[in-house]
Amino acid sequence: TMNEDTLVADIAAEVSESVVAVVGNYKG
């Protein structure tokens, strides 16, 4: 029985290792 909820959670956890927030000051 495929459990899509578990699959989505596992993929999100795996890919999140490679996802970053990008933050900075507006120029000036």
PDB file of all heavy atoms in Angstrom:
ATOM      1  N   THR A   1       0.854  -1.190   0.000  1.00  0.00           N
ATOM      2  CA  THR A   1       0.000   0.000   0.000  1.00  0.00           C
ATOM      3  C   THR A   1       0.883   1.231   0.000  1.00  0.00           C
ATOM      4  O   THR A   1       1.657   1.456   0.930  1.00  0.00           O
ATOM      5  CB  THR A   1      -0.916   0.019   1.241  1.00  0.00           C
ATOM      6  OG1 THR A   1      -1.669  -1.199   1.292  1.00  0.00           O
ATOM      7  CG2 THR A   1      -1.870   1.202   1.172  1.00  0.00           C
ATOM      8  N   MET A   2       0.771   2.019  -1.079  1.00  0.00           N
ATOM      9  CA  MET A   2       1.562   3.246  -1.154  1.00  0.00           C
ATOM     10  C   MET A   2       0.967   4.301  -0.221  1.00  0.00           C
ATOM     11  O   MET A   2      -0.234   4.546  -0.229  1.00  0.00           O
ATOM     12  CB  MET A   2       1.581   3.778  -2.584  1.00  0.00           C
ATOM     13  CG  MET A   2       2.345   2.903  -3.569  1.00  0.00           C
ATOM     14  SD  MET A   2       4.094   2.713  -3.150  1.00  0.00           S
ATOM     15  CE  MET A   2       4.688   4.378  -3.374  1.00  0.00           C
ATOM     16  N   ASN A   3       1.805   4.931   0.561  1.00  0.00           N
ATOM     17  CA  ASN A   3       1.396   5.988   1.476  1.00  0.00           C
ATOM     18  C   ASN A   3       1.988   7.296   0.959  1.00  0.00           C
ATOM     19  O   ASN A   3       3.156   7.597   1.184  1.00  0.00           O
ATOM     20  CB  ASN A   3       1.896   5.690   2.896  1.00  0.00           C
ATOM     21  CG  ASN A   3       1.404   6.705   3.902  1.00  0.00           C
ATOM     22  OD1 ASN A   3       1.099   7.844   3.559  1.00  0.00           O
ATOM     23  ND2 ASN A   3       1.314   6.287   5.158  1.00  0.00           N
ATOM     24  N   GLU A   4       1.179   8.076   0.244  1.00  0.00           N
ATOM     25  CA  GLU A   4       1.706   9.287  -0.384  1.00  0.00           C
ATOM     26  C   GLU A   4       2.151  10.305   0.652  1.00  0.00           C
ATOM     27  O   GLU A   4       3.120  11.034   0.438  1.00  0.00           O
ATOM     28  CB  GLU A   4       0.662   9.912  -1.318  1.00  0.00           C
ATOM     29  CG  GLU A   4       1.201  11.097  -2.087  1.00  0.00           C
ATOM     30  CD  GLU A   4       0.277  11.571  -3.184  1.00  0.00           C
ATOM     31  OE1 GLU A   4      -0.489  10.753  -3.730  1.00  0.00           O
ATOM     32  OE2 GLU A   4       0.314  12.772  -3.482  1.00  0.00           O
ATOM     33  N   ASP A   5       1.477  10.352   1.788  1.00  0.00           N
ATOM     34  CA  ASP A   5       1.872  11.307   2.821  1.00  0.00           C
ATOM     35  C   ASP A   5       3.307  11.054   3.276  1.00  0.00           C
ATOM     36  O   ASP A   5       4.105  11.980   3.432  1.00  0.00           O
ATOM     37  CB  ASP A   5       0.929  11.227   4.019  1.00  0.00           C
ATOM     38  CG  ASP A   5      -0.418  11.878   3.735  1.00  0.00           C
ATOM     39  OD1 ASP A   5      -0.504  12.647   2.763  1.00  0.00           O
ATOM     40  OD2 ASP A   5      -1.361  11.618   4.492  1.00  0.00           O
ATOM     41  N   THR A   6       3.615   9.778   3.502  1.00  0.00           N
ATOM     42  CA  THR A   6       4.971   9.424   3.924  1.00  0.00           C
ATOM     43  C   THR A   6       5.972   9.737   2.832  1.00  0.00           C
ATOM     44  O   THR A   6       7.069  10.254   3.091  1.00  0.00           O
ATOM     45  CB  THR A   6       5.038   7.932   4.292  1.00  0.00           C
ATOM     46  OG1 THR A   6       4.122   7.673   5.352  1.00  0.00           O
ATOM     47  CG2 THR A   6       6.443   7.549   4.730  1.00  0.00           C
ATOM     48  N   LEU A   7       5.601   9.446   1.584  1.00  0.00           N
ATOM     49  CA  LEU A   7       6.499   9.709   0.465  1.00  0.00           C
ATOM     50  C   LEU A   7       6.797  11.191   0.340  1.00  0.00           C
ATOM     51  O   LEU A   7       7.956  11.604   0.184  1.00  0.00           O
ATOM     52  CB  LEU A   7       5.882   9.170  -0.830  1.00  0.00           C
ATOM     53  CG  LEU A   7       6.696   9.388  -2.110  1.00  0.00           C
ATOM     54  CD1 LEU A   7       8.057   8.719  -1.999  1.00  0.00           C
ATOM     55  CD2 LEU A   7       5.936   8.849  -3.317  1.00  0.00           C
ATOM     56  N   VAL A   8       5.761  12.024   0.411  1.00  0.00           N
ATOM     57  CA  VAL A   8       5.960  13.470   0.311  1.00  0.00           C
ATOM     58  C   VAL A   8       6.859  13.962   1.442  1.00  0.00           C
ATOM     59  O   VAL A   8       7.767  14.773   1.225  1.00  0.00           O
ATOM     60  CB  VAL A   8       4.610  14.209   0.316  1.00  0.00           C
ATOM     61  CG1 VAL A   8       4.815  15.713   0.503  1.00  0.00           C
ATOM     62  CG2 VAL A   8       3.842  13.938  -0.968  1.00  0.00           C
ATOM     63  N   ALA A   9       6.610  13.486   2.654  1.00  0.00           N
ATOM     64  CA  ALA A   9       7.415  13.904   3.802  1.00  0.00           C
ATOM     65  C   ALA A   9       8.878  13.502   3.626  1.00  0.00           C
ATOM     66  O   ALA A   9       9.792  14.286   3.922  1.00  0.00           O
ATOM     67  CB  ALA A   9       6.851  13.300   5.088  1.00  0.00           C
ATOM     68  N   ASP A  10       9.104  12.294   3.116  1.00  0.00           N
ATOM     69  CA  ASP A  10      10.476  11.818   2.914  1.00  0.00           C
ATOM     70  C   ASP A  10      11.179  12.643   1.839  1.00  0.00           C
ATOM     71  O   ASP A  10      12.356  13.002   1.983  1.00  0.00           O
ATOM     72  CB  ASP A  10      10.476  10.338   2.525  1.00  0.00           C
ATOM     73  CG  ASP A  10      10.097   9.429   3.678  1.00  0.00           C
ATOM     74  OD1 ASP A  10      10.114   9.902   4.834  1.00  0.00           O
ATOM     75  OD2 ASP A  10       9.769   8.252   3.424  1.00  0.00           O
ATOM     76  N   ILE A  11      10.468  12.936   0.744  1.00  0.00           N
ATOM     77  CA  ILE A  11      11.068  13.735  -0.333  1.00  0.00           C
ATOM     78  C   ILE A  11      11.376  15.139   0.153  1.00  0.00           C
ATOM     79  O   ILE A  11      12.450  15.688  -0.107  1.00  0.00           O
ATOM     80  CB  ILE A  11      10.138  13.761  -1.563  1.00  0.00           C
ATOM     81  CG1 ILE A  11      10.101  12.383  -2.216  1.00  0.00           C
ATOM     82  CG2 ILE A  11      10.596  14.807  -2.572  1.00  0.00           C
ATOM     83  CD1 ILE A  11       9.069  12.260  -3.313  1.00  0.00           C
ATOM     84  N   ALA A  12      10.442  15.736   0.882  1.00  0.00           N
ATOM     85  CA  ALA A  12      10.656  17.083   1.398  1.00  0.00           C
ATOM     86  C   ALA A  12      11.876  17.131   2.316  1.00  0.00           C
ATOM     87  O   ALA A  12      12.691  18.062   2.235  1.00  0.00           O
ATOM     88  CB  ALA A  12       9.416  17.569   2.131  1.00  0.00           C
ATOM     89  N   ALA A  13      12.001  16.137   3.172  1.00  0.00           N
ATOM     90  CA  ALA A  13      13.145  16.096   4.089  1.00  0.00           C
ATOM     91  C   ALA A  13      14.451  15.928   3.321  1.00  0.00           C
ATOM     92  O   ALA A  13      15.467  16.571   3.638  1.00  0.00           O
ATOM     93  CB  ALA A  13      12.969  14.960   5.092  1.00  0.00           C
ATOM     94  N   GLU A  14      14.417  15.085   2.300  1.00  0.00           N
ATOM     95  CA  GLU A  14      15.624  14.816   1.513  1.00  0.00           C
ATOM     96  C   GLU A  14      16.065  16.051   0.727  1.00  0.00           C
ATOM     97  O   GLU A  14      17.232  16.456   0.763  1.00  0.00           O
ATOM     98  CB  GLU A  14      15.353  13.646   0.562  1.00  0.00           C
ATOM     99  CG  GLU A  14      16.541  13.199  -0.263  1.00  0.00           C
ATOM    100  CD  GLU A  14      17.499  12.301   0.497  1.00  0.00           C
ATOM    101  OE1 GLU A  14      17.143  11.841   1.609  1.00  0.00           O
ATOM    102  OE2 GLU A  14      18.610  12.082  -0.006  1.00  0.00           O
ATOM    103  N   VAL A  15      15.118  16.670   0.016  1.00  0.00           N
ATOM    104  CA  VAL A  15      15.460  17.811  -0.841  1.00  0.00           C
ATOM    105  C   VAL A  15      15.794  19.040  -0.008  1.00  0.00           C
ATOM    106  O   VAL A  15      16.626  19.862  -0.402  1.00  0.00           O
ATOM    107  CB  VAL A  15      14.308  18.101  -1.827  1.00  0.00           C
ATOM    108  CG1 VAL A  15      14.614  19.338  -2.682  1.00  0.00           C
ATOM    109  CG2 VAL A  15      14.070  16.903  -2.736  1.00  0.00           C
ATOM    110  N   SER A  16      15.169  19.166   1.163  1.00  0.00           N
ATOM    111  CA  SER A  16      15.396  20.346   2.001  1.00  0.00           C
ATOM    112  C   SER A  16      16.849  20.519   2.411  1.00  0.00           C
ATOM    113  O   SER A  16      17.285  21.626   2.742  1.00  0.00           O
ATOM    114  CB  SER A  16      14.511  20.297   3.252  1.00  0.00           C
ATOM    115  OG  SER A  16      13.183  20.641   2.936  1.00  0.00           O
ATOM    116  N   GLU A  17      17.621  19.433   2.395  1.00  0.00           N
ATOM    117  CA  GLU A  17      19.046  19.546   2.685  1.00  0.00           C
ATOM    118  C   GLU A  17      19.752  20.437   1.666  1.00  0.00           C
ATOM    119  O   GLU A  17      20.819  20.992   1.947  1.00  0.00           O
ATOM    120  CB  GLU A  17      19.699  18.163   2.694  1.00  0.00           C
ATOM    121  CG  GLU A  17      19.181  17.227   3.767  1.00  0.00           C
ATOM    122  CD  GLU A  17      19.824  15.854   3.673  1.00  0.00           C
ATOM    123  OE1 GLU A  17      20.993  15.782   3.213  1.00  0.00           O
ATOM    124  OE2 GLU A  17      19.182  14.860   4.044  1.00  0.00           O
ATOM    125  N   SER A  18      19.144  20.571   0.471  1.00  0.00           N
ATOM    126  CA  SER A  18      19.761  21.344  -0.613  1.00  0.00           C
ATOM    127  C   SER A  18      19.054  22.666  -0.870  1.00  0.00           C
ATOM    128  O   SER A  18      19.373  23.360  -1.831  1.00  0.00           O
ATOM    129  CB  SER A  18      19.756  20.508  -1.898  1.00  0.00           C
ATOM    130  OG  SER A  18      20.339  19.246  -1.700  1.00  0.00           O
ATOM    131  N   VAL A  19      18.085  23.023  -0.026  1.00  0.00           N
ATOM    132  CA  VAL A  19      17.315  24.257  -0.207  1.00  0.00           C
ATOM    133  C   VAL A  19      17.738  25.271   0.853  1.00  0.00           C
ATOM    134  O   VAL A  19      17.862  24.930   2.032  1.00  0.00           O
ATOM    135  CB  VAL A  19      15.800  23.985  -0.111  1.00  0.00           C
ATOM    136  CG1 VAL A  19      15.000  25.277  -0.271  1.00  0.00           C
ATOM    137  CG2 VAL A  19      15.375  22.971  -1.176  1.00  0.00           C
ATOM    138  N   VAL A  20      17.938  26.513   0.423  1.00  0.00           N
ATOM    139  CA  VAL A  20      18.395  27.551   1.358  1.00  0.00           C
ATOM    140  C   VAL A  20      17.505  28.781   1.266  1.00  0.00           C
ATOM    141  O   VAL A  20      16.866  29.028   0.242  1.00  0.00           O
ATOM    142  CB  VAL A  20      19.846  27.973   1.048  1.00  0.00           C
ATOM    143  CG1 VAL A  20      20.791  26.799   1.185  1.00  0.00           C
ATOM    144  CG2 VAL A  20      19.966  28.602  -0.347  1.00  0.00           C
ATOM    145  N   ALA A  21      17.457  29.531   2.344  1.00  0.00           N
ATOM    146  CA  ALA A  21      16.900  30.882   2.301  1.00  0.00           C
ATOM    147  C   ALA A  21      18.004  31.825   1.853  1.00  0.00           C
ATOM    148  O   ALA A  21      19.171  31.664   2.229  1.00  0.00           O
ATOM    149  CB  ALA A  21      16.369  31.283   3.668  1.00  0.00           C
ATOM    150  N   VAL A  22      17.638  32.801   1.026  1.00  0.00           N
ATOM    151  CA  VAL A  22      18.591  33.797   0.531  1.00  0.00           C
ATOM    152  C   VAL A  22      18.126  35.158   1.047  1.00  0.00           C
ATOM    153  O   VAL A  22      17.006  35.586   0.756  1.00  0.00           O
ATOM    154  CB  VAL A  22      18.649  33.807  -1.002  1.00  0.00           C
ATOM    155  CG1 VAL A  22      19.633  34.863  -1.491  1.00  0.00           C
ATOM    156  CG2 VAL A  22      19.020  32.427  -1.545  1.00  0.00           C
ATOM    157  N   VAL A  23      18.973  35.847   1.809  1.00  0.00           N
ATOM    158  CA  VAL A  23      18.565  37.103   2.426  1.00  0.00           C
ATOM    159  C   VAL A  23      19.656  38.145   2.254  1.00  0.00           C
ATOM    160  O   VAL A  23      20.854  37.819   2.190  1.00  0.00           O
ATOM    161  CB  VAL A  23      18.231  36.903   3.930  1.00  0.00           C
ATOM    162  CG1 VAL A  23      19.442  36.406   4.686  1.00  0.00           C
ATOM    163  CG2 VAL A  23      17.677  38.177   4.559  1.00  0.00           C
ATOM    164  N   GLY A  24      19.260  39.403   2.127  1.00  0.00           N
ATOM    165  CA  GLY A  24      20.240  40.475   1.997  1.00  0.00           C
ATOM    166  C   GLY A  24      19.591  41.828   2.215  1.00  0.00           C
ATOM    167  O   GLY A  24      18.377  41.941   2.394  1.00  0.00           O
ATOM    168  N   ASN A  25      20.417  42.868   2.213  1.00  0.00           N
ATOM    169  CA  ASN A  25      19.927  44.238   2.341  1.00  0.00           C
ATOM    170  C   ASN A  25      19.582  44.791   0.975  1.00  0.00           C
ATOM    171  O   ASN A  25      20.289  44.549  -0.004  1.00  0.00           O
ATOM    172  CB  ASN A  25      21.007  45.145   2.938  1.00  0.00           C
ATOM    173  CG  ASN A  25      21.441  44.719   4.315  1.00  0.00           C
ATOM    174  OD1 ASN A  25      22.616  44.471   4.528  1.00  0.00           O
ATOM    175  ND2 ASN A  25      20.508  44.631   5.244  1.00  0.00           N
ATOM    176  N   TYR A  26      18.508  45.553   0.914  1.00  0.00           N
ATOM    177  CA  TYR A  26      18.281  46.329  -0.297  1.00  0.00           C
ATOM    178  C   TYR A  26      19.464  47.259  -0.519  1.00  0.00           C
ATOM    179  O   TYR A  26      19.992  47.833   0.437  1.00  0.00           O
ATOM    180  CB  TYR A  26      16.993  47.152  -0.185  1.00  0.00           C
ATOM    181  CG  TYR A  26      15.733  46.333  -0.318  1.00  0.00           C
ATOM    182  CD1 TYR A  26      14.858  46.198   0.757  1.00  0.00           C
ATOM    183  CD2 TYR A  26      15.426  45.711  -1.515  1.00  0.00           C
ATOM    184  CE1 TYR A  26      13.704  45.442   0.639  1.00  0.00           C
ATOM    185  CE2 TYR A  26      14.270  44.958  -1.649  1.00  0.00           C
ATOM    186  CZ  TYR A  26      13.413  44.829  -0.574  1.00  0.00           C
ATOM    187  OH  TYR A  26      12.277  44.081  -0.705  1.00  0.00           O
ATOM    188  N   LYS A  27      19.898  47.369  -1.765  1.00  0.00           N
ATOM    189  CA  LYS A  27      21.049  48.214  -2.066  1.00  0.00           C
ATOM    190  C   LYS A  27      20.772  49.648  -1.627  1.00  0.00           C
ATOM    191  O   LYS A  27      19.706  50.194  -1.869  1.00  0.00           O
ATOM    192  CB  LYS A  27      21.363  48.163  -3.551  1.00  0.00           C
ATOM    193  CG  LYS A  27      21.921  46.804  -3.986  1.00  0.00           C
ATOM    194  CD  LYS A  27      22.213  46.754  -5.463  1.00  0.00           C
ATOM    195  CE  LYS A  27      22.770  45.382  -5.834  1.00  0.00           C
ATOM    196  NZ  LYS A  27      23.027  45.259  -7.297  1.00  0.00           N
ATOM    197  N   GLY A  28      21.758  50.215  -0.948  1.00  0.00           N
ATOM    198  CA  GLY A  28      21.592  51.565  -0.433  1.00  0.00           C
ATOM    199  C   GLY A  28      21.192  51.600   1.018  1.00  0.00           C
ATOM    200  O   GLY A  28      21.244  52.643   1.669  1.00  0.00           O
TER     201      GLY A  28
END
